[in-house]
Amino acid sequence: MNLDYVLFGLILCGAGLAGACFRSEYVLLRELRATERRRERLMRELHLDRLSAQGGDRRTATQTAVMNPAQLAIDEVARPEDA
């Protein structure tokens, strides 16, 4: 057996191990991102539930802020709830 074949085999094994390592890191990163998105979605739902628990008027005001922020500012000046 020639030393060149041994070195070539080591290079191929190293490339295979590096590819496996990159793949495992990519899969882990994908799982972490999915978990983070799931957590953000749950936090958003909890926030909306809390707003709806405070009263239906408050949730309507929040939805209005998305559609028309100028009208929300006028409404808040007219009836400050948090003050």
Protein backbone atom coordinates (compact mmCIF):
# COMPACT_ATOMS: atom_id res chain seq x y z
CA MET A 1 0.00 0.00 0.00
CA ASN A 2 1.37 3.34 -1.02
CA LEU A 3 1.53 6.32 1.36
CA ASP A 4 -0.28 8.43 -1.23
CA TYR A 5 -3.37 6.23 -0.99
CA VAL A 6 -3.37 6.48 2.79
CA LEU A 7 -3.12 10.27 2.70
CA PHE A 8 -5.85 10.46 0.05
CA GLY A 9 -8.08 8.26 2.21
CA LEU A 10 -7.48 10.54 5.22
CA ILE A 11 -8.40 13.59 3.17
CA LEU A 12 -11.62 11.96 1.99
CA CYS A 13 -12.54 10.92 5.54
CA GLY A 14 -11.85 14.45 6.79
CA ALA A 15 -14.06 15.94 4.08
CA GLY A 16 -16.83 13.48 4.95
CA LEU A 17 -16.61 14.33 8.65
CA ALA A 18 -16.62 18.06 7.90
CA GLY A 19 -19.73 17.64 5.73
CA ALA A 20 -21.48 15.69 8.47
CA CYS A 21 -20.58 18.37 11.01
CA PHE A 22 -21.90 21.18 8.80
CA ARG A 23 -25.11 19.25 8.19
CA SER A 24 -25.72 18.66 11.89
CA GLU A 25 -25.11 22.34 12.68
CA TYR A 26 -27.52 23.37 9.93
CA VAL A 27 -30.23 21.05 11.25
CA LEU A 28 -29.70 22.32 14.79
CA LEU A 29 -29.91 25.95 13.64
CA ARG A 30 -33.13 25.20 11.73
CA GLU A 31 -34.66 23.61 14.83
CA LEU A 32 -33.65 26.57 16.99
CA ARG A 33 -35.21 29.03 14.55
CA ALA A 34 -38.43 27.01 14.44
CA THR A 35 -38.55 26.93 18.25
CA GLU A 36 -37.98 30.68 18.40
CA ARG A 37 -40.77 31.34 15.89
CA ARG A 38 -43.10 29.05 17.86
CA ARG A 39 -42.25 30.88 21.10
CA GLU A 40 -42.84 34.29 19.48
CA ARG A 41 -46.20 33.13 18.13
CA LEU A 42 -47.26 31.90 21.56
CA MET A 43 -46.15 35.15 23.20
CA ARG A 44 -48.12 37.12 20.61
CA GLU A 45 -51.23 35.02 21.30
CA LEU A 46 -50.82 35.47 25.05
CA HIS A 47 -50.47 39.20 24.59
CA LEU A 48 -53.65 39.36 22.52
CA ASP A 49 -55.47 37.25 25.11
CA ARG A 50 -54.38 39.63 27.86
CA LEU A 51 -55.56 42.60 25.85
CA SER A 52 -58.91 40.97 25.21
CA ALA A 53 -59.21 40.11 28.91
CA GLN A 54 -58.80 43.80 29.78
CA GLY A 55 -61.82 44.62 27.70
CA GLY A 56 -63.12 44.39 24.19
CA ASP A 57 -62.68 48.13 23.65
CA ARG A 58 -58.94 47.91 24.25
CA ARG A 59 -58.47 45.16 21.67
CA THR A 60 -60.49 47.15 19.15
CA ALA A 61 -58.23 50.13 19.79
CA THR A 62 -55.18 47.92 19.20
CA GLN A 63 -56.56 46.67 15.91
CA THR A 64 -57.37 50.23 14.92
CA ALA A 65 -53.75 51.23 15.57
CA VAL A 66 -52.64 48.84 12.89
CA MET A 67 -55.09 50.26 10.38
CA ASN A 68 -55.14 53.94 11.29
CA PRO A 69 -52.58 55.28 13.79
CA ALA A 70 -53.74 58.90 13.45
CA GLN A 71 -57.28 58.02 14.53
CA LEU A 72 -55.92 56.07 17.48
CA ALA A 73 -53.92 59.10 18.64
CA ILE A 74 -57.05 61.25 18.48
CA ASP A 75 -59.03 58.63 20.43
CA GLU A 76 -56.34 58.37 23.12
CA VAL A 77 -56.32 62.14 23.62
CA ALA A 78 -60.11 62.18 23.83
CA ARG A 79 -60.28 59.37 26.43
CA PRO A 80 -57.00 58.56 28.20
CA GLU A 81 -57.58 55.18 29.86
CA ASP A 82 -54.14 54.64 31.38
CA ALA A 83 -53.80 58.07 33.00
